[in-house]
């Protein structure tokens, strides 16, 4: 299954990954940022419906200089005390939020259209792939409409979120350590899409579906 998923990612196709019953209990659509197109964005917002985010590997995050949003809030809390009170210390399924800053590429207009978001994401992947991290501040503006997520150092060996699983997939596929993910939501219940419905969607659209447990096991074997 993992090899089929990696082949799909290399071809610019999406894969579906369910994290775990004892975590978010969500299935995310995941695609490589370097292959993102406006069509991917359209499918994610129409068929998934969650927040379209861009996981960035720990290494690329460090080179870009992007912080965790919680660190920004802590630094600014002296001037804006309410930011200290908003600290996400009570996340029921995790110890830490992966959220970083939001960005738009400077060539975008509003930044929210399918074309604009695809451009922002693809250009971010390009500068990371080419080692042009120092150009980040020149080419992008913040705040924007693309939400960046910082992957933990060590990826799924340290944290088992979709952020880290996305980056683990990119690493195993030999792709740039920048991905795109979006949670699949359920129109009927207002909750996340039930796993069996996500599996049915994968079958109907000829997409690979895999569990977080299988992904993590494959990654550990890959690194051993």
Protein backbone atom coordinates (compact mmCIF):
# COMPACT_ATOMS: atom_id res chain seq x y z
CA UNK A 1 0.00 0.00 0.00
CA UNK A 2 2.74 2.47 0.93
CA UNK A 3 4.55 1.98 -2.38
CA UNK A 4 1.34 2.67 -4.29
CA UNK A 5 0.80 5.80 -2.21
CA UNK A 6 4.33 7.04 -2.94
CA UNK A 7 3.88 6.40 -6.67
CA UNK A 8 0.66 8.41 -6.60
CA UNK A 9 2.32 11.32 -4.81
CA UNK A 10 5.20 11.38 -7.30
CA UNK A 11 2.64 11.59 -10.11
CA UNK A 12 0.93 14.56 -8.46
CA UNK A 13 -2.06 12.57 -7.22
CA UNK A 14 -3.71 12.88 -3.84
CA UNK A 15 -3.73 10.18 -1.18
CA UNK A 16 -6.05 9.87 1.83
CA UNK A 17 -4.63 9.25 5.30
CA UNK A 18 -6.62 8.50 8.47
CA UNK A 19 -4.67 9.42 11.59
CA UNK A 20 -6.00 7.26 14.46
CA UNK A 21 -9.09 6.52 16.56
CA UNK A 22 -7.34 7.91 19.64
CA UNK A 23 -6.29 11.16 17.99
CA UNK A 24 -8.28 13.51 15.70
CA UNK A 25 -10.16 10.61 14.05
CA UNK A 26 -9.88 12.47 10.75
CA UNK A 27 -8.97 11.57 7.19
CA UNK A 28 -6.90 14.14 5.30
CA UNK A 29 -6.39 14.58 1.59
CA UNK A 30 -2.64 14.95 1.03
CA UNK A 31 -0.70 15.99 -2.07
CA UNK A 32 2.88 17.12 -2.75
CA UNK A 33 3.17 20.91 -2.72
CA UNK A 34 5.51 20.87 -5.72
CA UNK A 35 2.72 19.27 -7.78
CA UNK A 36 -0.17 21.41 -6.52
CA UNK A 37 -2.61 22.77 -9.09
CA UNK A 38 -5.77 24.90 -8.89
CA UNK A 39 -7.67 21.65 -9.55
CA UNK A 40 -6.28 20.15 -6.35
CA UNK A 41 -7.41 23.21 -4.40
CA UNK A 42 -10.89 22.96 -5.94
CA UNK A 43 -11.23 19.30 -5.01
CA UNK A 44 -10.00 19.93 -1.46
CA UNK A 45 -12.42 22.77 -0.76
CA UNK A 46 -15.39 21.03 -2.43
CA UNK A 47 -14.87 17.38 -1.52
CA UNK A 48 -12.88 17.69 1.73
CA UNK A 49 -14.08 21.01 3.10
CA UNK A 50 -11.62 21.37 5.97
CA UNK A 51 -8.77 23.85 6.29
CA UNK A 52 -6.27 23.68 3.43
CA UNK A 53 -2.86 23.76 5.13
CA UNK A 54 0.76 23.42 4.09
CA UNK A 55 2.96 21.22 6.28
CA UNK A 56 6.61 22.25 6.08
CA UNK A 57 9.43 19.97 7.24
CA UNK A 58 11.39 20.92 10.33
CA UNK A 59 14.50 21.46 8.21
CA UNK A 60 12.75 23.76 5.76
CA UNK A 61 10.95 25.59 8.56
CA UNK A 62 14.26 26.35 10.22
CA UNK A 63 15.82 27.58 6.98
CA UNK A 64 12.78 29.74 6.17
CA UNK A 65 12.78 31.09 9.72
CA UNK A 66 9.07 30.55 10.30
CA UNK A 67 7.91 30.29 13.93
CA UNK A 68 5.15 28.37 15.63
CA UNK A 69 2.19 30.70 16.02
CA UNK A 70 2.18 29.99 19.76
CA UNK A 71 5.71 31.45 19.95
CA UNK A 72 4.57 34.60 18.14
CA UNK A 73 1.67 34.94 20.57
CA UNK A 74 3.92 34.44 23.58
CA UNK A 75 6.33 37.10 22.35
CA UNK A 76 3.47 39.55 21.71
CA UNK A 77 1.55 38.81 24.91
CA UNK A 78 3.31 41.56 26.87
CA UNK A 79 1.87 44.17 24.52
CA UNK A 80 -1.40 42.25 23.99
CA UNK A 81 -2.12 40.29 27.22
CA UNK A 82 -5.14 38.52 25.75
CA UNK A 83 -2.77 36.52 23.53
CA UNK A 84 -1.32 34.89 26.63
CA UNK A 85 -4.78 33.89 27.79
CA UNK A 86 -5.50 32.33 24.39
CA UNK A 87 -2.68 29.79 24.72
CA UNK A 88 -3.82 26.39 23.35
CA UNK A 89 -2.75 24.44 26.45
CA UNK A 90 -5.93 22.34 26.50
CA UNK A 91 -5.92 20.61 23.08
CA UNK A 92 -7.69 17.32 23.87
CA UNK A 93 -5.76 15.17 21.38
CA UNK A 94 -2.26 16.68 21.34
CA UNK A 95 0.37 18.50 23.36
CA UNK A 96 1.21 21.21 20.85
CA UNK A 97 -0.25 23.05 17.87
CA UNK A 98 1.65 22.82 14.59
CA UNK A 99 0.24 26.12 13.28
CA UNK A 100 2.72 28.66 11.98
CA UNK A 101 2.08 31.88 10.02
CA UNK A 102 -0.19 32.49 7.03
CA UNK A 103 1.21 33.73 3.72
CA UNK A 104 0.41 34.83 0.17
CA UNK A 105 2.87 35.00 -2.69
CA UNK A 106 3.45 38.62 -3.69
CA UNK A 107 2.28 37.86 -7.24
CA UNK A 108 -1.20 36.94 -6.00
CA UNK A 109 -4.16 39.35 -5.86
CA UNK A 110 -6.43 38.49 -2.94
CA UNK A 111 -4.61 35.22 -2.33
CA UNK A 112 -7.75 33.13 -1.70
CA UNK A 113 -8.66 31.95 -5.20
CA UNK A 114 -7.76 28.45 -6.35
CA UNK A 115 -5.20 29.96 -8.74
CA UNK A 116 -3.70 32.21 -6.07
CA UNK A 117 -3.42 29.52 -3.41
CA UNK A 118 -1.91 27.05 -5.85
CA UNK A 119 0.64 29.68 -6.91
CA UNK A 120 1.59 30.48 -3.30
CA UNK A 121 2.00 26.83 -2.38
CA UNK A 122 3.90 25.83 -5.51
CA UNK A 123 6.30 28.77 -5.22
CA UNK A 124 6.98 27.92 -1.58
CA UNK A 125 7.83 24.36 -2.56
CA UNK A 126 10.07 25.65 -5.33
CA UNK A 127 12.22 27.85 -3.11
CA UNK A 128 12.58 25.01 -0.60
CA UNK A 129 13.48 22.52 -3.33
CA UNK A 130 16.04 24.89 -4.86
CA UNK A 131 17.59 25.99 -1.56
CA UNK A 132 16.42 29.59 -2.01
CA UNK A 133 15.04 29.90 1.52
CA UNK A 134 16.58 33.36 1.96
CA UNK A 135 14.17 34.71 -0.69
CA UNK A 136 11.11 33.86 1.42
CA UNK A 137 10.57 37.37 2.80
CA UNK A 138 11.07 38.97 -0.60
CA UNK A 139 8.64 36.69 -2.45
CA UNK A 140 5.85 36.27 0.13
CA UNK A 141 3.71 38.49 2.34
CA UNK A 142 2.00 37.78 5.65
CA UNK A 143 -0.74 37.49 6.81
CA UNK A 144 -2.21 35.61 3.87
CA UNK A 145 -4.55 32.84 2.88
CA UNK A 146 -2.22 29.83 3.00
CA UNK A 147 -1.74 28.38 6.47
CA UNK A 148 1.72 26.97 7.12
CA UNK A 149 2.30 24.14 9.61
CA UNK A 150 5.67 23.35 11.18
CA UNK A 151 6.50 19.66 11.33
CA UNK A 152 8.23 18.42 14.46
CA UNK A 153 11.89 17.46 14.19
CA UNK A 154 11.89 13.70 13.64
CA UNK A 155 8.43 13.82 12.07
CA UNK A 156 6.23 10.84 13.00
CA UNK A 157 8.83 9.43 15.38
CA UNK A 158 8.06 12.37 17.68
CA UNK A 159 4.49 13.46 16.83
CA UNK A 160 1.80 11.53 15.00
CA UNK A 161 -0.21 14.33 13.39
CA UNK A 162 -1.16 14.78 9.76
CA UNK A 163 1.52 17.49 9.58
CA UNK A 164 4.24 14.98 10.33
CA UNK A 165 2.64 12.18 8.33
CA UNK A 166 2.48 14.44 5.28
CA UNK A 167 6.18 15.23 5.55
CA UNK A 168 7.06 11.57 6.17
CA UNK A 169 5.28 10.73 2.90
CA UNK A 170 7.21 13.43 1.05
CA UNK A 171 10.50 12.11 2.44
CA UNK A 172 9.75 8.51 1.52
CA UNK A 173 8.66 9.58 -1.98
CA UNK A 174 11.84 11.60 -2.53
CA UNK A 175 9.84 14.82 -2.86
CA UNK A 176 10.40 18.31 -1.45
CA UNK A 177 9.55 18.54 2.26
CA UNK A 178 6.47 20.70 1.73
CA UNK A 179 2.99 19.17 1.41
CA UNK A 180 -0.67 20.17 1.27
CA UNK A 181 -3.36 18.61 3.44
CA UNK A 182 -7.06 19.14 4.08
CA UNK A 183 -9.43 17.40 6.49
CA UNK A 184 -12.46 15.63 5.06
CA UNK A 185 -15.70 16.90 6.63
CA UNK A 186 -19.18 15.36 6.76
CA UNK A 187 -22.11 17.45 5.46
CA UNK A 188 -24.68 15.27 7.25
CA UNK A 189 -23.36 15.32 10.82
CA UNK A 190 -21.25 18.46 10.90
CA UNK A 191 -18.32 16.37 12.12
CA UNK A 192 -15.34 14.82 10.39
CA UNK A 193 -16.14 12.35 7.61
CA UNK A 194 -16.59 8.80 8.97
CA UNK A 195 -13.71 6.53 8.04
CA UNK A 196 -15.88 4.17 6.02
CA UNK A 197 -17.15 7.12 3.95
CA UNK A 198 -13.58 8.30 3.35
CA UNK A 199 -12.65 4.80 2.21
CA UNK A 200 -15.66 4.77 -0.12
CA UNK A 201 -14.60 8.14 -1.57
CA UNK A 202 -11.12 6.73 -2.19
CA UNK A 203 -12.55 3.73 -4.05
CA UNK A 204 -14.91 5.85 -6.13
CA UNK A 205 -12.12 8.26 -7.14
CA UNK A 206 -9.36 5.64 -7.52
CA UNK A 207 -7.26 7.11 -4.70
CA UNK A 208 -5.03 5.37 -2.17
CA UNK A 209 -6.41 5.25 1.38
CA UNK A 210 -4.10 4.33 4.25
CA UNK A 211 -4.02 4.44 8.02
CA UNK A 212 -1.62 6.50 10.06
CA UNK A 213 -0.41 3.34 11.80
CA UNK A 214 0.63 1.75 8.49
CA UNK A 215 2.29 4.98 7.37
CA UNK A 216 4.28 5.32 10.59
CA UNK A 217 5.38 1.67 10.48
CA UNK A 218 6.54 2.15 6.89
CA UNK A 219 8.43 5.30 7.83
CA UNK A 220 10.25 3.55 10.68
CA UNK A 221 11.30 0.79 8.27
CA UNK A 222 12.38 3.42 5.74
CA UNK A 223 14.61 5.13 8.32
CA UNK A 224 16.07 1.93 9.78
